[in-house]
PDB file of N, CA and C in Angstrom:
ATOM      1  N   UNK A   1       0.843  -1.182   0.000  1.00  0.00           N
ATOM      2  CA  UNK A   1       0.000   0.000   0.000  1.00  0.00           C
ATOM      3  C   UNK A   1       0.888   1.246   0.000  1.00  0.00           C
ATOM      4  N   UNK A   2       1.390   1.630   1.128  1.00  0.00           N
ATOM      5  CA  UNK A   2       2.336   2.733   1.293  1.00  0.00           C
ATOM      6  C   UNK A   2       2.046   3.900   0.362  1.00  0.00           C
ATOM      7  N   UNK A   3       1.020   4.643   0.674  1.00  0.00           N
ATOM      8  CA  UNK A   3       0.699   5.835  -0.095  1.00  0.00           C
ATOM      9  C   UNK A   3       1.779   6.883   0.129  1.00  0.00           C
ATOM     10  N   UNK A   4       2.350   7.353  -0.954  1.00  0.00           N
ATOM     11  CA  UNK A   4       3.384   8.362  -0.866  1.00  0.00           C
ATOM     12  C   UNK A   4       2.785   9.690  -1.305  1.00  0.00           C
ATOM     13  N   UNK A   5       2.867  10.653  -0.423  1.00  0.00           N
ATOM     14  CA  UNK A   5       2.305  11.976  -0.667  1.00  0.00           C
ATOM     15  C   UNK A   5       3.448  12.882  -1.128  1.00  0.00           C
ATOM     16  N   UNK A   6       3.225  13.578  -2.227  1.00  0.00           N
ATOM     17  CA  UNK A   6       4.274  14.453  -2.751  1.00  0.00           C
ATOM     18  C   UNK A   6       4.305  15.782  -2.008  1.00  0.00           C
ATOM     19  N   UNK A   7       5.446  16.463  -2.132  1.00  0.00           N
ATOM     20  CA  UNK A   7       5.584  17.791  -1.536  1.00  0.00           C
ATOM     21  C   UNK A   7       4.567  18.755  -2.143  1.00  0.00           C
ATOM     22  N   UNK A   8       4.304  18.592  -3.443  1.00  0.00           N
ATOM     23  CA  UNK A   8       3.349  19.468  -4.125  1.00  0.00           C
ATOM     24  C   UNK A   8       1.943  19.300  -3.536  1.00  0.00           C
ATOM     25  N   UNK A   9       1.586  18.067  -3.209  1.00  0.00           N
ATOM     26  CA  UNK A   9       0.268  17.814  -2.627  1.00  0.00           C
ATOM     27  C   UNK A   9       0.148  18.502  -1.274  1.00  0.00           C
ATOM     28  N   UNK A  10       1.177  18.394  -0.455  1.00  0.00           N
ATOM     29  CA  UNK A  10       1.157  19.041   0.861  1.00  0.00           C
ATOM     30  C   UNK A  10       1.100  20.554   0.708  1.00  0.00           C
ATOM     31  N   UNK A  11       1.865  21.110  -0.250  1.00  0.00           N
ATOM     32  CA  UNK A  11       1.820  22.552  -0.505  1.00  0.00           C
ATOM     33  C   UNK A  11       0.407  22.971  -0.895  1.00  0.00           C
ATOM     34  N   UNK A  12      -0.212  22.197  -1.787  1.00  0.00           N
ATOM     35  CA  UNK A  12      -1.558  22.521  -2.274  1.00  0.00           C
ATOM     36  C   UNK A  12      -2.580  22.460  -1.143  1.00  0.00           C
ATOM     37  N   UNK A  13      -2.517  21.425  -0.323  1.00  0.00           N
ATOM     38  CA  UNK A  13      -3.431  21.295   0.816  1.00  0.00           C
ATOM     39  C   UNK A  13      -3.203  22.441   1.797  1.00  0.00           C
ATOM     40  N   UNK A  14      -1.963  22.827   2.006  1.00  0.00           N
ATOM     41  CA  UNK A  14      -1.653  23.951   2.878  1.00  0.00           C
ATOM     42  C   UNK A  14      -2.248  25.245   2.359  1.00  0.00           C
ATOM     43  N   UNK A  15      -2.175  25.448   1.037  1.00  0.00           N
ATOM     44  CA  UNK A  15      -2.762  26.646   0.431  1.00  0.00           C
ATOM     45  C   UNK A  15      -4.276  26.630   0.609  1.00  0.00           C
ATOM     46  N   UNK A  16      -4.904  25.482   0.345  1.00  0.00           N
ATOM     47  CA  UNK A  16      -6.363  25.376   0.491  1.00  0.00           C
ATOM     48  C   UNK A  16      -6.798  25.641   1.929  1.00  0.00           C
ATOM     49  N   UNK A  17      -6.008  25.152   2.879  1.00  0.00           N
ATOM     50  CA  UNK A  17      -6.352  25.315   4.296  1.00  0.00           C
ATOM     51  C   UNK A  17      -5.825  26.636   4.860  1.00  0.00           C
ATOM     52  N   UNK A  18      -5.149  27.421   4.004  1.00  0.00           N
ATOM     53  CA  UNK A  18      -4.573  28.709   4.422  1.00  0.00           C
ATOM     54  C   UNK A  18      -3.627  28.527   5.611  1.00  0.00           C
ATOM     55  N   UNK A  19      -2.756  27.517   5.470  1.00  0.00           N
ATOM     56  CA  UNK A  19      -1.773  27.224   6.520  1.00  0.00           C
ATOM     57  C   UNK A  19      -0.365  27.519   6.014  1.00  0.00           C
ATOM     58  N   UNK A  20       0.441  28.018   6.895  1.00  0.00           N
ATOM     59  CA  UNK A  20       1.857  28.171   6.596  1.00  0.00           C
ATOM     60  C   UNK A  20       2.576  27.112   7.417  1.00  0.00           C
ATOM     61  N   UNK A  21       3.050  26.080   6.739  1.00  0.00           N
ATOM     62  CA  UNK A  21       3.671  24.954   7.432  1.00  0.00           C
ATOM     63  C   UNK A  21       5.186  25.038   7.330  1.00  0.00           C
ATOM     64  N   UNK A  22       5.843  24.714   8.442  1.00  0.00           N
ATOM     65  CA  UNK A  22       7.305  24.613   8.424  1.00  0.00           C
ATOM     66  C   UNK A  22       7.674  23.310   7.723  1.00  0.00           C
ATOM     67  N   UNK A  23       8.949  23.154   7.388  1.00  0.00           N
ATOM     68  CA  UNK A  23       9.391  21.916   6.725  1.00  0.00           C
ATOM     69  C   UNK A  23       9.094  20.704   7.601  1.00  0.00           C
ATOM     70  N   UNK A  24       9.288  20.855   8.909  1.00  0.00           N
ATOM     71  CA  UNK A  24       9.014  19.759   9.845  1.00  0.00           C
ATOM     72  C   UNK A  24       7.519  19.403   9.840  1.00  0.00           C
ATOM     73  N   UNK A  25       6.669  20.436   9.848  1.00  0.00           N
ATOM     74  CA  UNK A  25       5.218  20.207   9.831  1.00  0.00           C
ATOM     75  C   UNK A  25       4.774  19.567   8.525  1.00  0.00           C
ATOM     76  N   UNK A  26       5.407  19.953   7.421  1.00  0.00           N
ATOM     77  CA  UNK A  26       5.075  19.354   6.120  1.00  0.00           C
ATOM     78  C   UNK A  26       5.409  17.865   6.115  1.00  0.00           C
ATOM     79  N   UNK A  27       6.556  17.506   6.679  1.00  0.00           N
ATOM     80  CA  UNK A  27       6.940  16.087   6.732  1.00  0.00           C
ATOM     81  C   UNK A  27       5.975  15.298   7.602  1.00  0.00           C
ATOM     82  N   UNK A  28       5.584  15.877   8.731  1.00  0.00           N
ATOM     83  CA  UNK A  28       4.614  15.203   9.612  1.00  0.00           C
ATOM     84  C   UNK A  28       3.268  15.061   8.911  1.00  0.00           C
ATOM     85  N   UNK A  29       2.846  16.119   8.199  1.00  0.00           N
ATOM     86  CA  UNK A  29       1.572  16.071   7.476  1.00  0.00           C
ATOM     87  C   UNK A  29       1.614  15.006   6.380  1.00  0.00           C
ATOM     88  N   UNK A  30       2.743  14.890   5.688  1.00  0.00           N
ATOM     89  CA  UNK A  30       2.884  13.856   4.643  1.00  0.00           C
ATOM     90  C   UNK A  30       2.730  12.465   5.248  1.00  0.00           C
ATOM     91  N   UNK A  31       3.383  12.258   6.394  1.00  0.00           N
ATOM     92  CA  UNK A  31       3.299  10.949   7.052  1.00  0.00           C
ATOM     93  C   UNK A  31       1.870  10.667   7.517  1.00  0.00           C
ATOM     94  N   UNK A  32       1.239  11.668   8.130  1.00  0.00           N
ATOM     95  CA  UNK A  32      -0.139  11.495   8.627  1.00  0.00           C
ATOM     96  C   UNK A  32      -1.108  11.230   7.481  1.00  0.00           C
ATOM     97  N   UNK A  33      -0.964  11.982   6.394  1.00  0.00           N
ATOM     98  CA  UNK A  33      -1.869  11.799   5.260  1.00  0.00           C
ATOM     99  C   UNK A  33      -1.661  10.420   4.629  1.00  0.00           C
ATOM    100  N   UNK A  34      -0.411   9.983   4.577  1.00  0.00           N
ATOM    101  CA  UNK A  34      -0.125   8.643   4.059  1.00  0.00           C
ATOM    102  C   UNK A  34      -0.789   7.565   4.908  1.00  0.00           C
ATOM    103  N   UNK A  35      -0.725   7.733   6.240  1.00  0.00           N
ATOM    104  CA  UNK A  35      -1.377   6.770   7.135  1.00  0.00           C
ATOM    105  C   UNK A  35      -2.891   6.748   6.937  1.00  0.00           C
ATOM    106  N   UNK A  36      -3.469   7.947   6.744  1.00  0.00           N
ATOM    107  CA  UNK A  36      -4.926   8.009   6.530  1.00  0.00           C
ATOM    108  C   UNK A  36      -5.311   7.284   5.241  1.00  0.00           C
ATOM    109  N   UNK A  37      -4.551   7.519   4.188  1.00  0.00           N
ATOM    110  CA  UNK A  37      -4.864   6.864   2.916  1.00  0.00           C
ATOM    111  C   UNK A  37      -4.645   5.358   2.992  1.00  0.00           C
ATOM    112  N   UNK A  38      -3.615   4.922   3.726  1.00  0.00           N
ATOM    113  CA  UNK A  38      -3.405   3.484   3.942  1.00  0.00           C
ATOM    114  C   UNK A  38      -4.597   2.870   4.668  1.00  0.00           C
ATOM    115  N   UNK A  39      -5.128   3.581   5.661  1.00  0.00           N
ATOM    116  CA  UNK A  39      -6.277   3.089   6.415  1.00  0.00           C
ATOM    117  C   UNK A  39      -7.503   2.986   5.510  1.00  0.00           C
ATOM    118  N   UNK A  40      -7.701   3.975   4.656  1.00  0.00           N
ATOM    119  CA  UNK A  40      -8.830   3.924   3.719  1.00  0.00           C
ATOM    120  C   UNK A  40      -8.676   2.741   2.773  1.00  0.00           C
ATOM    121  N   UNK A  41      -7.442   2.495   2.299  1.00  0.00           N
ATOM    122  CA  UNK A  41      -7.203   1.329   1.442  1.00  0.00           C
ATOM    123  C   UNK A  41      -7.538   0.038   2.185  1.00  0.00           C
ATOM    124  N   UNK A  42      -7.191  -0.021   3.459  1.00  0.00           N
ATOM    125  CA  UNK A  42      -7.485  -1.203   4.275  1.00  0.00           C
ATOM    126  C   UNK A  42      -9.006  -1.394   4.387  1.00  0.00           C
ATOM    127  N   UNK A  43      -9.728  -0.302   4.610  1.00  0.00           N
ATOM    128  CA  UNK A  43     -11.188  -0.384   4.702  1.00  0.00           C
ATOM    129  C   UNK A  43     -11.804  -0.852   3.386  1.00  0.00           C
ATOM    130  N   UNK A  44     -11.200  -0.459   2.274  1.00  0.00           N
ATOM    131  CA  UNK A  44     -11.729  -0.863   0.965  1.00  0.00           C
ATOM    132  C   UNK A  44     -11.586  -2.360   0.724  1.00  0.00           C
ATOM    133  N   UNK A  45     -10.747  -3.036   1.493  1.00  0.00           N
ATOM    134  CA  UNK A  45     -10.582  -4.483   1.360  1.00  0.00           C
ATOM    135  C   UNK A  45     -11.740  -5.258   1.988  1.00  0.00           C
ATOM    136  N   UNK A  46     -12.508  -4.613   2.856  1.00  0.00           N
ATOM    137  CA  UNK A  46     -13.595  -5.289   3.548  1.00  0.00           C
ATOM    138  C   UNK A  46     -14.728  -5.649   2.601  1.00  0.00           C
ATOM    139  N   UNK A  47     -15.329  -6.814   2.832  1.00  0.00           N
ATOM    140  CA  UNK A  47     -16.492  -7.234   2.054  1.00  0.00           C
ATOM    141  C   UNK A  47     -17.739  -6.657   2.716  1.00  0.00           C
ATOM    142  N   UNK A  48     -18.333  -5.682   2.072  1.00  0.00           N
ATOM    143  CA  UNK A  48     -19.536  -5.041   2.620  1.00  0.00           C
ATOM    144  C   UNK A  48     -20.771  -5.370   1.792  1.00  0.00           C
ATOM    145  N   UNK A  49     -20.698  -6.424   0.989  1.00  0.00           N
ATOM    146  CA  UNK A  49     -21.825  -6.764   0.103  1.00  0.00           C
ATOM    147  C   UNK A  49     -23.083  -7.136   0.887  1.00  0.00           C
ATOM    148  N   UNK A  50     -22.941  -7.642   2.114  1.00  0.00           N
ATOM    149  CA  UNK A  50     -24.116  -8.045   2.887  1.00  0.00           C
ATOM    150  C   UNK A  50     -24.559  -6.976   3.889  1.00  0.00           C
ATOM    151  N   UNK A  51     -23.911  -5.809   3.851  1.00  0.00           N
ATOM    152  CA  UNK A  51     -24.250  -4.732   4.775  1.00  0.00           C
ATOM    153  C   UNK A  51     -25.215  -3.773   4.088  1.00  0.00           C
ATOM    154  N   UNK A  52     -26.343  -3.536   4.751  1.00  0.00           N
ATOM    155  CA  UNK A  52     -27.341  -2.647   4.184  1.00  0.00           C
ATOM    156  C   UNK A  52     -26.870  -1.191   4.306  1.00  0.00           C
ATOM    157  N   UNK A  53     -26.933  -0.414   3.218  1.00  0.00           N
ATOM    158  CA  UNK A  53     -26.529   0.996   3.301  1.00  0.00           C
ATOM    159  C   UNK A  53     -27.420   1.758   4.271  1.00  0.00           C
ATOM    160  N   UNK A  54     -26.839   2.743   4.939  1.00  0.00           N
ATOM    161  CA  UNK A  54     -27.631   3.544   5.862  1.00  0.00           C
ATOM    162  C   UNK A  54     -27.189   4.993   5.766  1.00  0.00           C
ATOM    163  N   UNK A  55     -28.095   5.896   6.121  1.00  0.00           N
ATOM    164  CA  UNK A  55     -27.763   7.312   6.065  1.00  0.00           C
ATOM    165  C   UNK A  55     -27.311   7.833   7.424  1.00  0.00           C
ATOM    166  N   UNK A  56     -27.669   7.136   8.500  1.00  0.00           N
ATOM    167  CA  UNK A  56     -27.287   7.538   9.849  1.00  0.00           C
ATOM    168  C   UNK A  56     -26.859   6.314  10.643  1.00  0.00           C
ATOM    169  N   UNK A  57     -25.995   6.550  11.615  1.00  0.00           N
ATOM    170  CA  UNK A  57     -25.538   5.457  12.466  1.00  0.00           C
ATOM    171  C   UNK A  57     -26.667   4.996  13.377  1.00  0.00           C
ATOM    172  N   UNK A  58     -27.459   5.960  13.866  1.00  0.00           N
ATOM    173  CA  UNK A  58     -28.570   5.641  14.756  1.00  0.00           C
ATOM    174  C   UNK A  58     -29.885   5.764  14.002  1.00  0.00           C
ATOM    175  N   UNK A  59     -30.904   5.002  14.390  1.00  0.00           N
ATOM    176  CA  UNK A  59     -32.199   5.135  13.723  1.00  0.00           C
ATOM    177  C   UNK A  59     -32.769   6.545  13.930  1.00  0.00           C
ATOM    178  N   UNK A  60     -33.306   7.105  12.865  1.00  0.00           N
ATOM    179  CA  UNK A  60     -33.839   8.462  12.923  1.00  0.00           C
ATOM    180  C   UNK A  60     -35.341   8.391  12.665  1.00  0.00           C
ATOM    181  N   UNK A  61     -36.101   9.073  13.510  1.00  0.00           N
ATOM    182  CA  UNK A  61     -37.536   9.137  13.293  1.00  0.00           C
ATOM    183  C   UNK A  61     -37.951  10.592  13.274  1.00  0.00           C
ATOM    184  N   UNK A  62     -39.113  10.862  12.737  1.00  0.00           N
ATOM    185  CA  UNK A  62     -39.622  12.220  12.642  1.00  0.00           C
ATOM    186  C   UNK A  62     -39.880  12.757  14.051  1.00  0.00           C
ATOM    187  N   UNK A  63     -39.228  13.867  14.373  1.00  0.00           N
ATOM    188  CA  UNK A  63     -39.363  14.436  15.712  1.00  0.00           C
ATOM    189  C   UNK A  63     -40.310  15.632  15.734  1.00  0.00           C
ATOM    190  N   UNK A  64     -40.918  15.930  14.600  1.00  0.00           N
ATOM    191  CA  UNK A  64     -41.837  17.056  14.555  1.00  0.00           C
ATOM    192  C   UNK A  64     -43.152  16.692  15.228  1.00  0.00           C
ATOM    193  N   UNK A  65     -43.759  17.672  15.846  1.00  0.00           N
ATOM    194  CA  UNK A  65     -45.046  17.451  16.488  1.00  0.00           C
ATOM    195  C   UNK A  65     -46.115  18.166  15.675  1.00  0.00           C
ATOM    196  N   UNK A  66     -47.320  17.819  15.909  1.00  0.00           N
ATOM    197  CA  UNK A  66     -48.453  18.478  15.253  1.00  0.00           C
ATOM    198  C   UNK A  66     -48.536  19.920  15.752  1.00  0.00           C
ATOM    199  N   UNK A  67     -48.762  20.867  14.849  1.00  0.00           N
ATOM    200  CA  UNK A  67     -48.864  22.277  15.216  1.00  0.00           C
ATOM    201  C   UNK A  67     -50.289  22.551  15.680  1.00  0.00           C
ATOM    202  N   UNK A  68     -50.458  22.585  17.003  1.00  0.00           N
ATOM    203  CA  UNK A  68     -51.782  22.766  17.596  1.00  0.00           C
ATOM    204  C   UNK A  68     -51.775  24.042  18.434  1.00  0.00           C
ATOM    205  N   UNK A  69     -52.732  24.920  18.197  1.00  0.00           N
ATOM    206  CA  UNK A  69     -52.847  26.150  18.975  1.00  0.00           C
ATOM    207  C   UNK A  69     -53.368  25.788  20.361  1.00  0.00           C
ATOM    208  N   UNK A  70     -52.622  26.232  21.393  1.00  0.00           N
ATOM    209  CA  UNK A  70     -53.045  25.891  22.749  1.00  0.00           C
ATOM    210  C   UNK A  70     -53.499  27.110  23.541  1.00  0.00           C
ATOM    211  N   UNK A  71     -53.054  28.317  23.149  1.00  0.00           N
ATOM    212  CA  UNK A  71     -53.420  29.478  23.940  1.00  0.00           C
ATOM    213  C   UNK A  71     -54.535  30.305  23.303  1.00  0.00           C
ATOM    214  N   UNK A  72     -54.879  30.057  22.071  1.00  0.00           N
ATOM    215  CA  UNK A  72     -56.009  30.719  21.422  1.00  0.00           C
ATOM    216  C   UNK A  72     -55.866  32.227  21.311  1.00  0.00           C
ATOM    217  N   UNK A  73     -56.992  32.895  21.069  1.00  0.00           N
ATOM    218  CA  UNK A  73     -57.015  34.340  20.898  1.00  0.00           C
ATOM    219  C   UNK A  73     -57.264  34.987  22.258  1.00  0.00           C
ATOM    220  N   UNK A  74     -56.209  35.535  22.842  1.00  0.00           N
ATOM    221  CA  UNK A  74     -56.310  36.142  24.157  1.00  0.00           C
ATOM    222  C   UNK A  74     -56.008  37.642  24.062  1.00  0.00           C
ATOM    223  N   UNK A  75     -56.390  38.241  22.931  1.00  0.00           N
ATOM    224  CA  UNK A  75     -56.058  39.634  22.649  1.00  0.00           C
ATOM    225  C   UNK A  75     -56.515  40.584  23.746  1.00  0.00           C
ATOM    226  N   UNK A  76     -57.758  40.451  24.200  1.00  0.00           N
ATOM    227  CA  UNK A  76     -58.287  41.374  25.210  1.00  0.00           C
ATOM    228  C   UNK A  76     -57.456  41.342  26.485  1.00  0.00           C
ATOM    229  N   UNK A  77     -57.077  40.170  26.911  1.00  0.00           N
ATOM    230  CA  UNK A  77     -56.275  40.021  28.126  1.00  0.00           C
ATOM    231  C   UNK A  77     -54.872  40.607  27.921  1.00  0.00           C
ATOM    232  N   UNK A  78     -54.296  40.392  26.751  1.00  0.00           N
ATOM    233  CA  UNK A  78     -52.957  40.916  26.463  1.00  0.00           C
ATOM    234  C   UNK A  78     -52.991  42.437  26.409  1.00  0.00           C
ATOM    235  N   UNK A  79     -54.016  42.998  25.777  1.00  0.00           N
ATOM    236  CA  UNK A  79     -54.104  44.454  25.629  1.00  0.00           C
ATOM    237  C   UNK A  79     -54.361  45.168  26.956  1.00  0.00           C
ATOM    238  N   UNK A  80     -54.738  44.441  27.991  1.00  0.00           N
ATOM    239  CA  UNK A  80     -54.890  45.050  29.312  1.00  0.00           C
ATOM    240  C   UNK A  80     -53.548  45.612  29.802  1.00  0.00           C
ATOM    241  N   UNK A  81     -52.432  45.041  29.336  1.00  0.00           N
ATOM    242  CA  UNK A  81     -51.093  45.483  29.735  1.00  0.00           C
ATOM    243  C   UNK A  81     -50.582  46.650  28.899  1.00  0.00           C
ATOM    244  N   UNK A  82     -51.277  46.990  27.833  1.00  0.00           N
ATOM    245  CA  UNK A  82     -50.804  48.053  26.937  1.00  0.00           C
ATOM    246  C   UNK A  82     -51.028  49.421  27.567  1.00  0.00           C
ATOM    247  N   UNK A  83     -50.010  50.312  27.513  1.00  0.00           N
ATOM    248  CA  UNK A  83     -50.218  51.666  28.012  1.00  0.00           C
ATOM    249  C   UNK A  83     -51.248  52.409  27.155  1.00  0.00           C
ATOM    250  N   UNK A  84     -51.270  52.085  25.866  1.00  0.00           N
ATOM    251  CA  UNK A  84     -52.256  52.692  24.962  1.00  0.00           C
ATOM    252  C   UNK A  84     -52.631  51.671  23.906  1.00  0.00           C
ATOM    253  N   UNK A  85     -53.908  51.660  23.569  1.00  0.00           N
ATOM    254  CA  UNK A  85     -54.411  50.657  22.622  1.00  0.00           C
ATOM    255  C   UNK A  85     -55.389  51.328  21.673  1.00  0.00           C
ATOM    256  N   UNK A  86     -55.347  50.906  20.389  1.00  0.00           N
ATOM    257  CA  UNK A  86     -56.298  51.430  19.412  1.00  0.00           C
ATOM    258  C   UNK A  86     -56.635  50.317  18.420  1.00  0.00           C
ATOM    259  N   UNK A  87     -57.905  50.092  18.187  1.00  0.00           N
ATOM    260  CA  UNK A  87     -58.407  49.099  17.221  1.00  0.00           C
ATOM    261  C   UNK A  87     -57.812  47.706  17.456  1.00  0.00           C
ATOM    262  N   UNK A  88     -57.682  47.321  18.719  1.00  0.00           N
ATOM    263  CA  UNK A  88     -57.212  45.967  19.038  1.00  0.00           C
ATOM    264  C   UNK A  88     -55.716  45.784  18.861  1.00  0.00           C
ATOM    265  N   UNK A  89     -54.921  46.884  18.883  1.00  0.00           N
ATOM    266  CA  UNK A  89     -53.473  46.781  18.718  1.00  0.00           C
ATOM    267  C   UNK A  89     -52.775  47.740  19.676  1.00  0.00           C
ATOM    268  N   UNK A  90     -51.503  47.460  19.967  1.00  0.00           N
ATOM    269  CA  UNK A  90     -50.697  48.355  20.784  1.00  0.00           C
ATOM    270  C   UNK A  90     -50.425  49.640  20.009  1.00  0.00           C
ATOM    271  N   UNK A  91     -50.426  50.759  20.685  1.00  0.00           N
ATOM    272  CA  UNK A  91     -49.985  52.023  20.085  1.00  0.00           C
ATOM    273  C   UNK A  91     -48.591  52.296  20.641  1.00  0.00           C
ATOM    274  N   UNK A  92     -47.646  52.490  19.716  1.00  0.00           N
ATOM    275  CA  UNK A  92     -46.256  52.698  20.114  1.00  0.00           C
ATOM    276  C   UNK A  92     -45.778  54.025  19.535  1.00  0.00           C
ATOM    277  N   UNK A  93     -44.734  54.612  20.118  1.00  0.00           N
ATOM    278  CA  UNK A  93     -44.203  55.860  19.577  1.00  0.00           C
ATOM    279  C   UNK A  93     -43.620  55.652  18.179  1.00  0.00           C
ATOM    280  N   UNK A  94     -43.678  56.676  17.334  1.00  0.00           N
ATOM    281  CA  UNK A  94     -43.075  56.607  16.004  1.00  0.00           C
ATOM    282  C   UNK A  94     -41.569  56.483  16.150  1.00  0.00           C
ATOM    283  N   UNK A  95     -40.980  55.709  15.270  1.00  0.00           N
ATOM    284  CA  UNK A  95     -39.531  55.568  15.293  1.00  0.00           C
ATOM    285  C   UNK A  95     -38.872  56.379  14.194  1.00  0.00           C
ATOM    286  N   UNK A  96     -39.643  56.857  13.228  1.00  0.00           N
ATOM    287  CA  UNK A  96     -39.116  57.733  12.177  1.00  0.00           C
ATOM    288  C   UNK A  96     -40.236  58.588  11.642  1.00  0.00           C
ATOM    289  N   UNK A  97     -39.877  59.725  11.073  1.00  0.00           N
ATOM    290  CA  UNK A  97     -40.857  60.638  10.500  1.00  0.00           C
ATOM    291  C   UNK A  97     -41.014  60.324   9.021  1.00  0.00           C
ATOM    292  N   UNK A  98     -42.237  60.479   8.519  1.00  0.00           N
ATOM    293  CA  UNK A  98     -42.497  60.191   7.111  1.00  0.00           C
ATOM    294  C   UNK A  98     -42.169  61.377   6.248  1.00  0.00           C
TER     295      UNK A  98
END
């Protein structure tokens, strides 16, 4: 297997990630990336023909609830707190002149 990562590849990945890597960091990154690719190659050797594809590791069910109004129209009670009210609405100070 032994995936060999070129210096150009590390430079390109560094540019994409907006990283400035020292020579030592580039060598470590090459080794780490090679190990990751070796691991992926190892995983590709597995026989997964009998494994059912899945989109999530855990079972997912619909978590939405029915949209049911529980407090109803309580306008009169709410407007009792208004300092000023007109036509069933709060009256507020103007924030800009027309």
